[in-house]
């Protein structure tokens, strides 16, 4: 449900939240440490700055930092510049052109429930939650990783 661009935007924001004490951080460091192609990341960071979730500081010693505390930046704000499914005018993922309550596709009611739950999650979940809540201690492994041993 999240495009690669959306995923990169979340990863960059999580990285900045986890390193807020070292901000501003240059784009090349974010790209390197968050595992995001630098050329691609530049356009992502610019869009996030235009969306007012990032601050940009040009020049030597410049870089990017969160525009507000991570607890006040919701995933919806981070994804909105990139995810067409979040816009009011959206095409039907099932090939029905523009899907709406007035002109529904055959799966409109079922898809609407999924979309509303997804939207609620993005609206209620902060970058802080994504960066810190439920985090496993470093070095711990998941059940799946332990089962492979």
C-alpha atoms as a PDB file:
ATOM      1  CA  UNK A   1       0.000   0.000   0.000  1.00  0.00           C
ATOM      2  CA  UNK A   2       3.004   2.280   0.370  1.00  0.00           C
ATOM      3  CA  UNK A   3       5.082   3.118  -2.691  1.00  0.00           C
ATOM      4  CA  UNK A   4       8.863   2.948  -2.666  1.00  0.00           C
ATOM      5  CA  UNK A   5       8.955   6.761  -2.529  1.00  0.00           C
ATOM      6  CA  UNK A   6       6.622   6.686   0.478  1.00  0.00           C
ATOM      7  CA  UNK A   7       8.796   4.079   2.165  1.00  0.00           C
ATOM      8  CA  UNK A   8      11.909   6.194   1.582  1.00  0.00           C
ATOM      9  CA  UNK A   9      10.170   9.252   3.028  1.00  0.00           C
ATOM     10  CA  UNK A  10       9.248   7.341   6.193  1.00  0.00           C
ATOM     11  CA  UNK A  11      12.761   5.875   6.519  1.00  0.00           C
ATOM     12  CA  UNK A  12      14.340   9.335   6.175  1.00  0.00           C
ATOM     13  CA  UNK A  13      11.969  10.811   8.769  1.00  0.00           C
ATOM     14  CA  UNK A  14      12.623   7.937  11.196  1.00  0.00           C
ATOM     15  CA  UNK A  15      16.369   8.416  10.748  1.00  0.00           C
ATOM     16  CA  UNK A  16      16.055  12.140  11.519  1.00  0.00           C
ATOM     17  CA  UNK A  17      13.874  11.421  14.571  1.00  0.00           C
ATOM     18  CA  UNK A  18      16.454   8.949  15.886  1.00  0.00           C
ATOM     19  CA  UNK A  19      19.276  11.471  15.351  1.00  0.00           C
ATOM     20  CA  UNK A  20      17.491  14.698  16.290  1.00  0.00           C
ATOM     21  CA  UNK A  21      20.396  15.702  18.557  1.00  0.00           C
ATOM     22  CA  UNK A  22      22.744  15.710  15.527  1.00  0.00           C
ATOM     23  CA  UNK A  23      20.548  17.804  13.190  1.00  0.00           C
ATOM     24  CA  UNK A  24      20.787  19.302  10.672  1.00  0.00           C
ATOM     25  CA  UNK A  25      22.004  16.216   8.846  1.00  0.00           C
ATOM     26  CA  UNK A  26      23.233  16.342   5.227  1.00  0.00           C
ATOM     27  CA  UNK A  27      21.241  14.388   2.644  1.00  0.00           C
ATOM     28  CA  UNK A  28      24.237  12.195   1.751  1.00  0.00           C
ATOM     29  CA  UNK A  29      24.497  10.963   5.372  1.00  0.00           C
ATOM     30  CA  UNK A  30      20.755  10.255   5.541  1.00  0.00           C
ATOM     31  CA  UNK A  31      21.000   8.362   2.251  1.00  0.00           C
ATOM     32  CA  UNK A  32      24.025   6.361   3.330  1.00  0.00           C
ATOM     33  CA  UNK A  33      22.836   5.428   6.801  1.00  0.00           C
ATOM     34  CA  UNK A  34      19.157   4.902   5.952  1.00  0.00           C
ATOM     35  CA  UNK A  35      19.959   2.866   2.822  1.00  0.00           C
ATOM     36  CA  UNK A  36      18.270   5.214   0.350  1.00  0.00           C
ATOM     37  CA  UNK A  37      19.748   6.124  -3.073  1.00  0.00           C
ATOM     38  CA  UNK A  38      21.060   9.694  -2.710  1.00  0.00           C
ATOM     39  CA  UNK A  39      19.732  11.047  -6.025  1.00  0.00           C
ATOM     40  CA  UNK A  40      16.277   9.704  -5.230  1.00  0.00           C
ATOM     41  CA  UNK A  41      16.402  10.980  -1.657  1.00  0.00           C
ATOM     42  CA  UNK A  42      17.100  14.565  -2.720  1.00  0.00           C
ATOM     43  CA  UNK A  43      13.700  14.901  -4.386  1.00  0.00           C
ATOM     44  CA  UNK A  44      12.003  13.149  -1.441  1.00  0.00           C
ATOM     45  CA  UNK A  45      13.584  15.534   1.077  1.00  0.00           C
ATOM     46  CA  UNK A  46      12.676  18.561  -1.050  1.00  0.00           C
ATOM     47  CA  UNK A  47       9.039  17.446  -1.178  1.00  0.00           C
ATOM     48  CA  UNK A  48       9.002  16.880   2.598  1.00  0.00           C
ATOM     49  CA  UNK A  49      10.415  20.370   3.138  1.00  0.00           C
ATOM     50  CA  UNK A  50       7.698  21.832   0.864  1.00  0.00           C
ATOM     51  CA  UNK A  51       5.134  19.871   2.916  1.00  0.00           C
ATOM     52  CA  UNK A  52       6.560  21.594   6.026  1.00  0.00           C
ATOM     53  CA  UNK A  53       7.517  18.420   7.886  1.00  0.00           C
ATOM     54  CA  UNK A  54      11.242  19.063   7.363  1.00  0.00           C
ATOM     55  CA  UNK A  55      13.398  22.138   7.742  1.00  0.00           C
ATOM     56  CA  UNK A  56      16.249  22.614   5.298  1.00  0.00           C
ATOM     57  CA  UNK A  57      19.464  24.474   6.134  1.00  0.00           C
ATOM     58  CA  UNK A  58      21.617  25.266   3.084  1.00  0.00           C
ATOM     59  CA  UNK A  59      25.378  25.570   2.994  1.00  0.00           C
ATOM     60  CA  UNK A  60      28.303  24.169   4.932  1.00  0.00           C
ATOM     61  CA  UNK A  61      27.071  22.480   8.102  1.00  0.00           C
ATOM     62  CA  UNK A  62      23.549  22.478   6.699  1.00  0.00           C
ATOM     63  CA  UNK A  63      21.162  19.650   6.056  1.00  0.00           C
ATOM     64  CA  UNK A  64      17.739  18.524   7.160  1.00  0.00           C
ATOM     65  CA  UNK A  65      15.918  18.362  10.468  1.00  0.00           C
ATOM     66  CA  UNK A  66      12.362  17.718  11.585  1.00  0.00           C
ATOM     67  CA  UNK A  67      10.180  20.828  11.410  1.00  0.00           C
ATOM     68  CA  UNK A  68       8.355  19.823  14.610  1.00  0.00           C
ATOM     69  CA  UNK A  69       8.829  17.260  17.368  1.00  0.00           C
ATOM     70  CA  UNK A  70       8.503  13.696  16.018  1.00  0.00           C
ATOM     71  CA  UNK A  71       5.439  13.119  18.220  1.00  0.00           C
ATOM     72  CA  UNK A  72       3.648  15.906  16.307  1.00  0.00           C
ATOM     73  CA  UNK A  73       4.405  14.637  12.787  1.00  0.00           C
ATOM     74  CA  UNK A  74       1.974  11.964  11.640  1.00  0.00           C
ATOM     75  CA  UNK A  75       2.660   9.364   8.952  1.00  0.00           C
ATOM     76  CA  UNK A  76      -0.204  10.846   6.933  1.00  0.00           C
ATOM     77  CA  UNK A  77       1.689  14.152   6.583  1.00  0.00           C
ATOM     78  CA  UNK A  78       4.840  12.315   5.518  1.00  0.00           C
ATOM     79  CA  UNK A  79       3.104  10.179   2.886  1.00  0.00           C
ATOM     80  CA  UNK A  80       0.609  12.740   1.546  1.00  0.00           C
ATOM     81  CA  UNK A  81       3.023  14.307  -0.986  1.00  0.00           C
ATOM     82  CA  UNK A  82       3.737  10.882  -2.513  1.00  0.00           C
ATOM     83  CA  UNK A  83       0.743   8.584  -2.148  1.00  0.00           C
ATOM     84  CA  UNK A  84      -2.063   9.018  -4.673  1.00  0.00           C
ATOM     85  CA  UNK A  85      -4.373   6.746  -2.645  1.00  0.00           C
ATOM     86  CA  UNK A  86      -4.495   9.421   0.076  1.00  0.00           C
ATOM     87  CA  UNK A  87      -5.808  12.152  -2.205  1.00  0.00           C
ATOM     88  CA  UNK A  88      -9.487  13.002  -2.551  1.00  0.00           C
ATOM     89  CA  UNK A  89      -9.339  12.454  -6.318  1.00  0.00           C
ATOM     90  CA  UNK A  90      -8.048   8.943  -6.739  1.00  0.00           C
ATOM     91  CA  UNK A  91      -8.255   6.348  -9.441  1.00  0.00           C
ATOM     92  CA  UNK A  92      -9.798   2.983  -8.694  1.00  0.00           C
ATOM     93  CA  UNK A  93      -7.146   0.351  -7.922  1.00  0.00           C
ATOM     94  CA  UNK A  94      -9.416  -2.204  -9.590  1.00  0.00           C
ATOM     95  CA  UNK A  95      -9.480  -0.502 -13.000  1.00  0.00           C
ATOM     96  CA  UNK A  96     -12.771   1.343 -12.609  1.00  0.00           C
ATOM     97  CA  UNK A  97     -11.506   4.804 -13.523  1.00  0.00           C
ATOM     98  CA  UNK A  98     -12.313   7.246 -10.724  1.00  0.00           C
ATOM     99  CA  UNK A  99     -14.074   5.424  -7.911  1.00  0.00           C
ATOM    100  CA  UNK A 100     -16.409   7.310  -5.558  1.00  0.00           C
ATOM    101  CA  UNK A 101     -19.570   6.886  -3.499  1.00  0.00           C
ATOM    102  CA  UNK A 102     -21.490   8.383  -6.443  1.00  0.00           C
ATOM    103  CA  UNK A 103     -19.850   6.098  -9.020  1.00  0.00           C
ATOM    104  CA  UNK A 104     -18.657   2.987  -7.147  1.00  0.00           C
ATOM    105  CA  UNK A 105     -16.807   0.059  -8.635  1.00  0.00           C
ATOM    106  CA  UNK A 106     -17.966  -3.482  -7.699  1.00  0.00           C
ATOM    107  CA  UNK A 107     -15.479  -3.639  -4.781  1.00  0.00           C
ATOM    108  CA  UNK A 108     -15.988  -0.051  -3.569  1.00  0.00           C
ATOM    109  CA  UNK A 109     -17.612  -0.847  -0.202  1.00  0.00           C
ATOM    110  CA  UNK A 110     -15.033  -3.461   0.785  1.00  0.00           C
ATOM    111  CA  UNK A 111     -12.102  -1.315  -0.384  1.00  0.00           C
ATOM    112  CA  UNK A 112     -13.511   1.725   1.398  1.00  0.00           C
ATOM    113  CA  UNK A 113     -13.297  -0.130   4.755  1.00  0.00           C
ATOM    114  CA  UNK A 114      -9.654  -1.016   4.128  1.00  0.00           C
ATOM    115  CA  UNK A 115      -8.841   2.511   2.970  1.00  0.00           C
ATOM    116  CA  UNK A 116     -10.527   4.073   6.029  1.00  0.00           C
ATOM    117  CA  UNK A 117      -8.600   1.796   8.438  1.00  0.00           C
ATOM    118  CA  UNK A 118      -5.349   2.611   6.611  1.00  0.00           C
ATOM    119  CA  UNK A 119      -6.119   6.339   6.704  1.00  0.00           C
ATOM    120  CA  UNK A 120      -6.932   6.160  10.451  1.00  0.00           C
ATOM    121  CA  UNK A 121      -3.636   4.377  11.125  1.00  0.00           C
ATOM    122  CA  UNK A 122      -1.631   6.992   9.197  1.00  0.00           C
ATOM    123  CA  UNK A 123      -3.502   9.858  10.864  1.00  0.00           C
ATOM    124  CA  UNK A 124      -2.930   8.498  14.394  1.00  0.00           C
ATOM    125  CA  UNK A 125       0.634   7.180  14.096  1.00  0.00           C
ATOM    126  CA  UNK A 126       3.504   9.594  14.630  1.00  0.00           C
ATOM    127  CA  UNK A 127       7.053   9.430  13.340  1.00  0.00           C
ATOM    128  CA  UNK A 128       8.069   9.106  17.000  1.00  0.00           C
ATOM    129  CA  UNK A 129       5.972   5.938  17.318  1.00  0.00           C
ATOM    130  CA  UNK A 130       7.482   4.548  14.127  1.00  0.00           C
ATOM    131  CA  UNK A 131      10.995   5.383  15.313  1.00  0.00           C
ATOM    132  CA  UNK A 132      10.860   4.311  18.948  1.00  0.00           C
ATOM    133  CA  UNK A 133       7.748   2.464  20.117  1.00  0.00           C
ATOM    134  CA  UNK A 134       7.986  -1.309  20.232  1.00  0.00           C
ATOM    135  CA  UNK A 135      11.651  -1.210  19.286  1.00  0.00           C
ATOM    136  CA  UNK A 136      13.609  -4.405  19.988  1.00  0.00           C
ATOM    137  CA  UNK A 137      16.884  -3.952  21.825  1.00  0.00           C
ATOM    138  CA  UNK A 138      19.864  -3.997  19.465  1.00  0.00           C
ATOM    139  CA  UNK A 139      21.215  -7.480  18.958  1.00  0.00           C
ATOM    140  CA  UNK A 140      17.919  -9.202  19.747  1.00  0.00           C
ATOM    141  CA  UNK A 141      16.485 -11.451  17.095  1.00  0.00           C
ATOM    142  CA  UNK A 142      12.938 -12.143  16.036  1.00  0.00           C
ATOM    143  CA  UNK A 143      11.288 -15.558  16.460  1.00  0.00           C
ATOM    144  CA  UNK A 144      11.643 -16.074  12.699  1.00  0.00           C
ATOM    145  CA  UNK A 145      15.406 -15.378  12.826  1.00  0.00           C
ATOM    146  CA  UNK A 146      15.868 -17.729  15.828  1.00  0.00           C
ATOM    147  CA  UNK A 147      13.907 -20.483  14.052  1.00  0.00           C
ATOM    148  CA  UNK A 148      16.303 -20.318  11.084  1.00  0.00           C
ATOM    149  CA  UNK A 149      19.293 -21.085  13.332  1.00  0.00           C
END
